[in-house]
């Protein structure tokens, strides 16, 4: 395995760890994976023998993460764990043919990158990019509908598990507008304007990613081409989420 591919797999694992630590309400600083945001100096690698992969080299985690490992091991026994394993294998042995799994891999990458960034504005740009990778249907939709499609799909994707669709849609619209202002120059990414958001964009992003893991697994991670099926999935979710029950909070865990 090439060094660059090993680094890509390590970045995916880092993103996965960050998504789950954030979803468990743990401080991101507790995770000590040898990954530097300014210099790609990763001193661990992926090795394989007869099709079996493992991590070698030097990597470490804080000693106070026992609760994380307990929660994480439980989740690895669910569909989420199955999805994560498939994504890691896909990243370790990529192909030129793009499949649905690649979108999830990229979303985890972007989330991990956002978690390493100390600039709040840059974090927003990267988190929205992670979510866009999951809900944007390329070459199929008009520019004027992008914001509406983004916010509706994000809110439906989360609400199908957790309810409160109106609140998720409000947050999605607000964070997308802020990202657009930053990217298109109406606000400076180097300055922090407080308060910009009245919610945690990381919570919106990890909820989207974990919900997409289940939805994409049901659709087929190896699906290629997938654009038509992905659009149909979001259209169906939009119709389902018109039900009044998705306006209230759900306690269902993914």
C-alpha atoms as a PDB file:
ATOM      1  CA  UNK A   1       0.000   0.000   0.000  1.00  0.00           C
ATOM      2  CA  UNK A   2       1.350   3.437  -0.921  1.00  0.00           C
ATOM      3  CA  UNK A   3       2.117   6.031   1.729  1.00  0.00           C
ATOM      4  CA  UNK A   4      -0.509   8.421   0.350  1.00  0.00           C
ATOM      5  CA  UNK A   5      -3.209   5.751   0.463  1.00  0.00           C
ATOM      6  CA  UNK A   6      -2.242   4.825   4.021  1.00  0.00           C
ATOM      7  CA  UNK A   7      -2.514   8.495   4.980  1.00  0.00           C
ATOM      8  CA  UNK A   8      -5.955   8.684   3.373  1.00  0.00           C
ATOM      9  CA  UNK A   9      -7.129   5.667   5.368  1.00  0.00           C
ATOM     10  CA  UNK A  10      -5.695   7.185   8.554  1.00  0.00           C
ATOM     11  CA  UNK A  11      -7.530  10.448   7.801  1.00  0.00           C
ATOM     12  CA  UNK A  12     -10.773   8.506   7.369  1.00  0.00           C
ATOM     13  CA  UNK A  13     -10.281   6.711  10.686  1.00  0.00           C
ATOM     14  CA  UNK A  14      -9.520  10.055  12.319  1.00  0.00           C
ATOM     15  CA  UNK A  15     -12.762  11.485  10.914  1.00  0.00           C
ATOM     16  CA  UNK A  16     -14.728   8.469  12.138  1.00  0.00           C
ATOM     17  CA  UNK A  17     -13.284   8.827  15.643  1.00  0.00           C
ATOM     18  CA  UNK A  18     -14.106  12.550  15.661  1.00  0.00           C
ATOM     19  CA  UNK A  19     -17.696  11.969  14.530  1.00  0.00           C
ATOM     20  CA  UNK A  20     -18.304   9.433  17.278  1.00  0.00           C
ATOM     21  CA  UNK A  21     -16.544  11.343  20.082  1.00  0.00           C
ATOM     22  CA  UNK A  22     -18.601  14.410  19.176  1.00  0.00           C
ATOM     23  CA  UNK A  23     -21.829  12.402  19.054  1.00  0.00           C
ATOM     24  CA  UNK A  24     -21.062  11.024  22.533  1.00  0.00           C
ATOM     25  CA  UNK A  25     -20.547  14.547  23.870  1.00  0.00           C
ATOM     26  CA  UNK A  26     -16.841  14.057  24.557  1.00  0.00           C
ATOM     27  CA  UNK A  27     -14.207  16.750  24.111  1.00  0.00           C
ATOM     28  CA  UNK A  28     -12.363  16.412  20.816  1.00  0.00           C
ATOM     29  CA  UNK A  29      -9.093  17.257  22.577  1.00  0.00           C
ATOM     30  CA  UNK A  30      -9.283  13.929  24.413  1.00  0.00           C
ATOM     31  CA  UNK A  31      -8.467  12.061  21.233  1.00  0.00           C
ATOM     32  CA  UNK A  32      -4.717  12.004  20.569  1.00  0.00           C
ATOM     33  CA  UNK A  33      -4.192  10.538  17.118  1.00  0.00           C
ATOM     34  CA  UNK A  34      -0.877  11.372  15.472  1.00  0.00           C
ATOM     35  CA  UNK A  35      -2.325  13.678  12.827  1.00  0.00           C
ATOM     36  CA  UNK A  36      -1.098  17.257  12.420  1.00  0.00           C
ATOM     37  CA  UNK A  37      -3.353  19.782  10.633  1.00  0.00           C
ATOM     38  CA  UNK A  38      -0.449  21.795   9.214  1.00  0.00           C
ATOM     39  CA  UNK A  39       1.997  19.012   8.361  1.00  0.00           C
ATOM     40  CA  UNK A  40       0.808  15.592   7.240  1.00  0.00           C
ATOM     41  CA  UNK A  41       3.138  13.647   9.531  1.00  0.00           C
ATOM     42  CA  UNK A  42       1.296  10.427  10.305  1.00  0.00           C
ATOM     43  CA  UNK A  43       3.477   7.756  11.859  1.00  0.00           C
ATOM     44  CA  UNK A  44       1.122   4.823  11.533  1.00  0.00           C
ATOM     45  CA  UNK A  45       0.162   2.808   8.487  1.00  0.00           C
ATOM     46  CA  UNK A  46      -2.211   0.217   7.059  1.00  0.00           C
ATOM     47  CA  UNK A  47      -0.765  -3.219   6.262  1.00  0.00           C
ATOM     48  CA  UNK A  48      -2.371  -6.300   4.724  1.00  0.00           C
ATOM     49  CA  UNK A  49      -1.810 -10.026   4.266  1.00  0.00           C
ATOM     50  CA  UNK A  50      -4.077 -12.248   2.199  1.00  0.00           C
ATOM     51  CA  UNK A  51      -6.737  -9.561   2.051  1.00  0.00           C
ATOM     52  CA  UNK A  52      -6.774  -8.819   5.800  1.00  0.00           C
ATOM     53  CA  UNK A  53      -5.926  -5.270   6.906  1.00  0.00           C
ATOM     54  CA  UNK A  54      -4.583  -3.911  10.178  1.00  0.00           C
ATOM     55  CA  UNK A  55      -3.046  -0.720  11.599  1.00  0.00           C
ATOM     56  CA  UNK A  56       0.661  -0.753  12.398  1.00  0.00           C
ATOM     57  CA  UNK A  57       3.167   1.783  13.650  1.00  0.00           C
ATOM     58  CA  UNK A  58       2.697   4.277  16.453  1.00  0.00           C
ATOM     59  CA  UNK A  59      -0.671   5.687  17.423  1.00  0.00           C
ATOM     60  CA  UNK A  60      -2.178   6.499  20.787  1.00  0.00           C
ATOM     61  CA  UNK A  61      -5.301   7.664  22.583  1.00  0.00           C
ATOM     62  CA  UNK A  62      -5.770   9.408  25.896  1.00  0.00           C
ATOM     63  CA  UNK A  63      -5.993   7.152  28.935  1.00  0.00           C
ATOM     64  CA  UNK A  64      -9.325   8.654  29.977  1.00  0.00           C
ATOM     65  CA  UNK A  65     -11.281   7.391  26.956  1.00  0.00           C
ATOM     66  CA  UNK A  66     -12.660   4.169  28.434  1.00  0.00           C
ATOM     67  CA  UNK A  67     -16.227   5.464  28.144  1.00  0.00           C
ATOM     68  CA  UNK A  68     -15.637   6.267  24.488  1.00  0.00           C
ATOM     69  CA  UNK A  69     -14.362   2.773  23.742  1.00  0.00           C
ATOM     70  CA  UNK A  70     -17.333   1.222  25.552  1.00  0.00           C
ATOM     71  CA  UNK A  71     -19.810   3.281  23.525  1.00  0.00           C
ATOM     72  CA  UNK A  72     -17.861   2.804  20.307  1.00  0.00           C
ATOM     73  CA  UNK A  73     -17.678  -0.986  20.689  1.00  0.00           C
ATOM     74  CA  UNK A  74     -21.449  -1.070  21.140  1.00  0.00           C
ATOM     75  CA  UNK A  75     -21.970   0.964  17.979  1.00  0.00           C
ATOM     76  CA  UNK A  76     -19.559  -1.232  16.027  1.00  0.00           C
ATOM     77  CA  UNK A  77     -21.935  -4.145  16.666  1.00  0.00           C
ATOM     78  CA  UNK A  78     -24.748  -2.293  14.865  1.00  0.00           C
ATOM     79  CA  UNK A  79     -25.297  -1.381  11.218  1.00  0.00           C
ATOM     80  CA  UNK A  80     -23.109   1.666  11.847  1.00  0.00           C
ATOM     81  CA  UNK A  81     -20.154  -0.578  12.606  1.00  0.00           C
ATOM     82  CA  UNK A  82     -20.752  -2.609   9.464  1.00  0.00           C
ATOM     83  CA  UNK A  83     -20.824   0.577   7.388  1.00  0.00           C
ATOM     84  CA  UNK A  84     -17.605   1.892   8.959  1.00  0.00           C
ATOM     85  CA  UNK A  85     -15.771  -1.354   8.241  1.00  0.00           C
ATOM     86  CA  UNK A  86     -16.901  -1.313   4.610  1.00  0.00           C
ATOM     87  CA  UNK A  87     -15.797   2.311   4.217  1.00  0.00           C
ATOM     88  CA  UNK A  88     -12.330   1.591   5.614  1.00  0.00           C
ATOM     89  CA  UNK A  89     -11.895  -1.366   3.253  1.00  0.00           C
ATOM     90  CA  UNK A  90     -13.064   0.796   0.363  1.00  0.00           C
ATOM     91  CA  UNK A  91     -10.548   3.523   1.267  1.00  0.00           C
ATOM     92  CA  UNK A  92      -7.764   0.947   1.596  1.00  0.00           C
ATOM     93  CA  UNK A  93      -8.512  -0.545  -1.836  1.00  0.00           C
ATOM     94  CA  UNK A  94     -10.075   2.243  -3.930  1.00  0.00           C
ATOM     95  CA  UNK A  95     -11.168   1.881  -7.547  1.00  0.00           C
ATOM     96  CA  UNK A  96     -11.625   4.393 -10.346  1.00  0.00           C
ATOM     97  CA  UNK A  97     -15.370   3.754 -10.385  1.00  0.00           C
ATOM     98  CA  UNK A  98     -17.158   6.100  -7.987  1.00  0.00           C
ATOM     99  CA  UNK A  99     -19.776   4.455  -5.813  1.00  0.00           C
ATOM    100  CA  UNK A 100     -22.115   5.699  -3.101  1.00  0.00           C
ATOM    101  CA  UNK A 101     -19.648   4.770  -0.341  1.00  0.00           C
ATOM    102  CA  UNK A 102     -17.202   7.390  -1.624  1.00  0.00           C
ATOM    103  CA  UNK A 103     -19.574  10.147  -0.547  1.00  0.00           C
ATOM    104  CA  UNK A 104     -19.602   8.899   3.024  1.00  0.00           C
ATOM    105  CA  UNK A 105     -15.818   8.545   3.039  1.00  0.00           C
ATOM    106  CA  UNK A 106     -15.438  12.153   1.915  1.00  0.00           C
ATOM    107  CA  UNK A 107     -17.924  13.350   4.543  1.00  0.00           C
ATOM    108  CA  UNK A 108     -15.879  11.732   7.320  1.00  0.00           C
ATOM    109  CA  UNK A 109     -12.701  13.280   5.856  1.00  0.00           C
ATOM    110  CA  UNK A 110     -14.212  16.774   5.871  1.00  0.00           C
ATOM    111  CA  UNK A 111     -15.598  16.385   9.391  1.00  0.00           C
ATOM    112  CA  UNK A 112     -12.179  15.332  10.680  1.00  0.00           C
ATOM    113  CA  UNK A 113     -10.531  18.233   8.880  1.00  0.00           C
ATOM    114  CA  UNK A 114     -13.044  20.675  10.376  1.00  0.00           C
ATOM    115  CA  UNK A 115     -12.404  19.331  13.875  1.00  0.00           C
ATOM    116  CA  UNK A 116      -8.684  20.087  13.542  1.00  0.00           C
ATOM    117  CA  UNK A 117      -9.249  23.658  12.360  1.00  0.00           C
ATOM    118  CA  UNK A 118      -9.071  26.388  15.010  1.00  0.00           C
ATOM    119  CA  UNK A 119     -10.931  28.935  12.870  1.00  0.00           C
ATOM    120  CA  UNK A 120     -14.706  28.869  13.442  1.00  0.00           C
ATOM    121  CA  UNK A 121     -15.435  30.182   9.961  1.00  0.00           C
ATOM    122  CA  UNK A 122     -13.246  27.577   8.293  1.00  0.00           C
ATOM    123  CA  UNK A 123     -14.961  24.915  10.389  1.00  0.00           C
ATOM    124  CA  UNK A 124     -18.343  25.965   8.988  1.00  0.00           C
ATOM    125  CA  UNK A 125     -17.074  25.830   5.401  1.00  0.00           C
ATOM    126  CA  UNK A 126     -15.695  22.318   5.894  1.00  0.00           C
ATOM    127  CA  UNK A 127     -18.730  21.001   7.772  1.00  0.00           C
ATOM    128  CA  UNK A 128     -21.114  22.251   5.090  1.00  0.00           C
ATOM    129  CA  UNK A 129     -18.881  20.661   2.458  1.00  0.00           C
ATOM    130  CA  UNK A 130     -19.147  17.358   4.344  1.00  0.00           C
ATOM    131  CA  UNK A 131     -22.939  17.592   4.374  1.00  0.00           C
ATOM    132  CA  UNK A 132     -23.128  18.747   0.753  1.00  0.00           C
ATOM    133  CA  UNK A 133     -21.258  15.637  -0.288  1.00  0.00           C
ATOM    134  CA  UNK A 134     -24.140  13.594   1.104  1.00  0.00           C
ATOM    135  CA  UNK A 135     -27.126  15.462  -0.314  1.00  0.00           C
ATOM    136  CA  UNK A 136     -26.079  17.184  -3.556  1.00  0.00           C
ATOM    137  CA  UNK A 137     -27.135  15.564  -6.823  1.00  0.00           C
ATOM    138  CA  UNK A 138     -24.644  16.798  -9.410  1.00  0.00           C
ATOM    139  CA  UNK A 139     -25.738  18.075 -12.822  1.00  0.00           C
ATOM    140  CA  UNK A 140     -29.381  17.423 -12.004  1.00  0.00           C
ATOM    141  CA  UNK A 141     -30.650  20.510 -10.254  1.00  0.00           C
ATOM    142  CA  UNK A 142     -30.912  24.222 -10.902  1.00  0.00           C
ATOM    143  CA  UNK A 143     -28.776  26.617  -8.894  1.00  0.00           C
ATOM    144  CA  UNK A 144     -31.773  28.467  -7.471  1.00  0.00           C
ATOM    145  CA  UNK A 145     -32.938  25.302  -5.704  1.00  0.00           C
ATOM    146  CA  UNK A 146     -29.642  24.387  -4.081  1.00  0.00           C
ATOM    147  CA  UNK A 147     -30.310  25.968  -0.668  1.00  0.00           C
ATOM    148  CA  UNK A 148     -33.804  24.513  -0.445  1.00  0.00           C
ATOM    149  CA  UNK A 149     -32.658  21.056  -1.511  1.00  0.00           C
ATOM    150  CA  UNK A 150     -29.751  21.134   0.931  1.00  0.00           C
ATOM    151  CA  UNK A 151     -31.832  22.162   3.940  1.00  0.00           C
ATOM    152  CA  UNK A 152     -34.765  19.867   3.134  1.00  0.00           C
ATOM    153  CA  UNK A 153     -32.616  16.792   2.575  1.00  0.00           C
ATOM    154  CA  UNK A 154     -30.477  17.403   5.642  1.00  0.00           C
ATOM    155  CA  UNK A 155     -33.541  17.896   7.838  1.00  0.00           C
ATOM    156  CA  UNK A 156     -35.333  14.819   6.472  1.00  0.00           C
ATOM    157  CA  UNK A 157     -32.235  12.664   6.809  1.00  0.00           C
ATOM    158  CA  UNK A 158     -31.939  13.505  10.512  1.00  0.00           C
ATOM    159  CA  UNK A 159     -35.657  13.764  11.335  1.00  0.00           C
ATOM    160  CA  UNK A 160     -36.386  10.248  10.108  1.00  0.00           C
ATOM    161  CA  UNK A 161     -34.434   9.084  13.192  1.00  0.00           C
ATOM    162  CA  UNK A 162     -34.794  11.992  15.624  1.00  0.00           C
ATOM    163  CA  UNK A 163     -37.830  14.068  14.637  1.00  0.00           C
ATOM    164  CA  UNK A 164     -37.812  17.881  15.044  1.00  0.00           C
ATOM    165  CA  UNK A 165     -37.661  18.399  11.286  1.00  0.00           C
ATOM    166  CA  UNK A 166     -38.435  22.118  11.444  1.00  0.00           C
ATOM    167  CA  UNK A 167     -35.536  22.797  13.806  1.00  0.00           C
ATOM    168  CA  UNK A 168     -33.087  20.790  11.709  1.00  0.00           C
ATOM    169  CA  UNK A 169     -34.251  22.593   8.574  1.00  0.00           C
ATOM    170  CA  UNK A 170     -33.805  25.971  10.272  1.00  0.00           C
ATOM    171  CA  UNK A 171     -30.257  25.079  11.277  1.00  0.00           C
ATOM    172  CA  UNK A 172     -29.398  23.720   7.829  1.00  0.00           C
ATOM    173  CA  UNK A 173     -30.598  26.898   6.104  1.00  0.00           C
ATOM    174  CA  UNK A 174     -28.706  29.121   8.516  1.00  0.00           C
ATOM    175  CA  UNK A 175     -25.395  27.271   8.294  1.00  0.00           C
ATOM    176  CA  UNK A 176     -25.640  27.049   4.502  1.00  0.00           C
ATOM    177  CA  UNK A 177     -26.216  30.798   4.221  1.00  0.00           C
ATOM    178  CA  UNK A 178     -23.231  31.481   6.475  1.00  0.00           C
ATOM    179  CA  UNK A 179     -21.043  29.175   4.380  1.00  0.00           C
ATOM    180  CA  UNK A 180     -22.181  30.966   1.210  1.00  0.00           C
ATOM    181  CA  UNK A 181     -21.394  34.365   2.730  1.00  0.00           C
ATOM    182  CA  UNK A 182     -17.918  33.171   3.686  1.00  0.00           C
ATOM    183  CA  UNK A 183     -17.119  31.486   0.384  1.00  0.00           C
ATOM    184  CA  UNK A 184     -18.521  34.228  -1.859  1.00  0.00           C
ATOM    185  CA  UNK A 185     -16.839  37.053  -0.001  1.00  0.00           C
ATOM    186  CA  UNK A 186     -19.568  38.940   1.853  1.00  0.00           C
ATOM    187  CA  UNK A 187     -17.929  37.942   5.162  1.00  0.00           C
ATOM    188  CA  UNK A 188     -14.275  37.409   6.015  1.00  0.00           C
ATOM    189  CA  UNK A 189     -13.217  33.889   6.883  1.00  0.00           C
ATOM    190  CA  UNK A 190     -10.296  35.339   8.881  1.00  0.00           C
ATOM    191  CA  UNK A 191     -12.556  37.236  11.275  1.00  0.00           C
ATOM    192  CA  UNK A 192     -14.950  35.857  13.845  1.00  0.00           C
ATOM    193  CA  UNK A 193     -18.310  37.579  14.026  1.00  0.00           C
ATOM    194  CA  UNK A 194     -20.076  36.519  17.201  1.00  0.00           C
ATOM    195  CA  UNK A 195     -22.650  35.223  17.527  1.00  0.00           C
ATOM    196  CA  UNK A 196     -23.040  33.789  14.036  1.00  0.00           C
ATOM    197  CA  UNK A 197     -24.936  30.628  14.883  1.00  0.00           C
ATOM    198  CA  UNK A 198     -27.210  29.835  17.815  1.00  0.00           C
ATOM    199  CA  UNK A 199     -26.492  26.100  17.547  1.00  0.00           C
ATOM    200  CA  UNK A 200     -23.509  23.764  17.239  1.00  0.00           C
ATOM    201  CA  UNK A 201     -22.778  23.068  13.544  1.00  0.00           C
ATOM    202  CA  UNK A 202     -20.785  19.978  14.522  1.00  0.00           C
ATOM    203  CA  UNK A 203     -23.963  18.447  15.979  1.00  0.00           C
ATOM    204  CA  UNK A 204     -25.839  19.125  12.757  1.00  0.00           C
ATOM    205  CA  UNK A 205     -23.002  17.593  10.727  1.00  0.00           C
ATOM    206  CA  UNK A 206     -22.462  14.426  12.773  1.00  0.00           C
ATOM    207  CA  UNK A 207     -26.218  13.800  12.907  1.00  0.00           C
ATOM    208  CA  UNK A 208     -26.328  14.087   9.121  1.00  0.00           C
ATOM    209  CA  UNK A 209     -23.349  11.776   8.603  1.00  0.00           C
ATOM    210  CA  UNK A 210     -24.552   9.045  10.968  1.00  0.00           C
ATOM    211  CA  UNK A 211     -28.059   9.162   9.506  1.00  0.00           C
ATOM    212  CA  UNK A 212     -26.588   8.941   5.998  1.00  0.00           C
ATOM    213  CA  UNK A 213     -24.612   5.849   7.022  1.00  0.00           C
ATOM    214  CA  UNK A 214     -27.871   3.980   7.614  1.00  0.00           C
ATOM    215  CA  UNK A 215     -29.711   5.440   4.622  1.00  0.00           C
ATOM    216  CA  UNK A 216     -26.843   4.787   2.207  1.00  0.00           C
ATOM    217  CA  UNK A 217     -26.362   1.260   3.541  1.00  0.00           C
ATOM    218  CA  UNK A 218     -30.016   0.505   2.794  1.00  0.00           C
ATOM    219  CA  UNK A 219     -29.625   2.011  -0.676  1.00  0.00           C
ATOM    220  CA  UNK A 220     -26.387   0.101  -1.366  1.00  0.00           C
ATOM    221  CA  UNK A 221     -22.869   1.321  -0.598  1.00  0.00           C
ATOM    222  CA  UNK A 222     -21.489  -0.233  -3.787  1.00  0.00           C
ATOM    223  CA  UNK A 223     -24.192   1.336  -5.964  1.00  0.00           C
ATOM    224  CA  UNK A 224     -22.759   2.857  -9.167  1.00  0.00           C
ATOM    225  CA  UNK A 225     -24.082   4.867 -10.850  1.00  0.00           C
ATOM    226  CA  UNK A 226     -26.224   6.087  -7.999  1.00  0.00           C
ATOM    227  CA  UNK A 227     -27.473   9.617  -8.816  1.00  0.00           C
ATOM    228  CA  UNK A 228     -30.992   8.579  -9.823  1.00  0.00           C
ATOM    229  CA  UNK A 229     -31.469   6.260  -6.846  1.00  0.00           C
ATOM    230  CA  UNK A 230     -30.070   8.864  -4.449  1.00  0.00           C
ATOM    231  CA  UNK A 231     -32.469  11.531  -5.697  1.00  0.00           C
ATOM    232  CA  UNK A 232     -35.383   9.100  -5.439  1.00  0.00           C
ATOM    233  CA  UNK A 233     -34.378   8.290  -1.870  1.00  0.00           C
ATOM    234  CA  UNK A 234     -34.456  11.949  -0.851  1.00  0.00           C
ATOM    235  CA  UNK A 235     -37.771  12.482  -2.643  1.00  0.00           C
ATOM    236  CA  UNK A 236     -39.264   9.574  -0.677  1.00  0.00           C
ATOM    237  CA  UNK A 237     -37.830  10.880   2.597  1.00  0.00           C
ATOM    238  CA  UNK A 238     -39.336  14.292   1.899  1.00  0.00           C
ATOM    239  CA  UNK A 239     -42.788  12.751   1.448  1.00  0.00           C
ATOM    240  CA  UNK A 240     -42.448  10.559   4.531  1.00  0.00           C
ATOM    241  CA  UNK A 241     -41.347  13.502   6.682  1.00  0.00           C
ATOM    242  CA  UNK A 242     -44.556  15.401   5.932  1.00  0.00           C
ATOM    243  CA  UNK A 243     -46.087  13.221   8.621  1.00  0.00           C
ATOM    244  CA  UNK A 244     -46.810  15.214  11.763  1.00  0.00           C
ATOM    245  CA  UNK A 245     -44.841  12.798  13.961  1.00  0.00           C
ATOM    246  CA  UNK A 246     -41.539  14.012  12.509  1.00  0.00           C
ATOM    247  CA  UNK A 247     -42.116  17.480  13.948  1.00  0.00           C
ATOM    248  CA  UNK A 248     -41.601  16.235  17.493  1.00  0.00           C
ATOM    249  CA  UNK A 249     -38.462  14.911  19.140  1.00  0.00           C
ATOM    250  CA  UNK A 250     -37.703  11.210  18.770  1.00  0.00           C
ATOM    251  CA  UNK A 251     -35.556   9.165  21.145  1.00  0.00           C
ATOM    252  CA  UNK A 252     -34.621   6.556  18.538  1.00  0.00           C
ATOM    253  CA  UNK A 253     -30.881   5.867  18.394  1.00  0.00           C
ATOM    254  CA  UNK A 254     -29.288   5.145  15.018  1.00  0.00           C
END
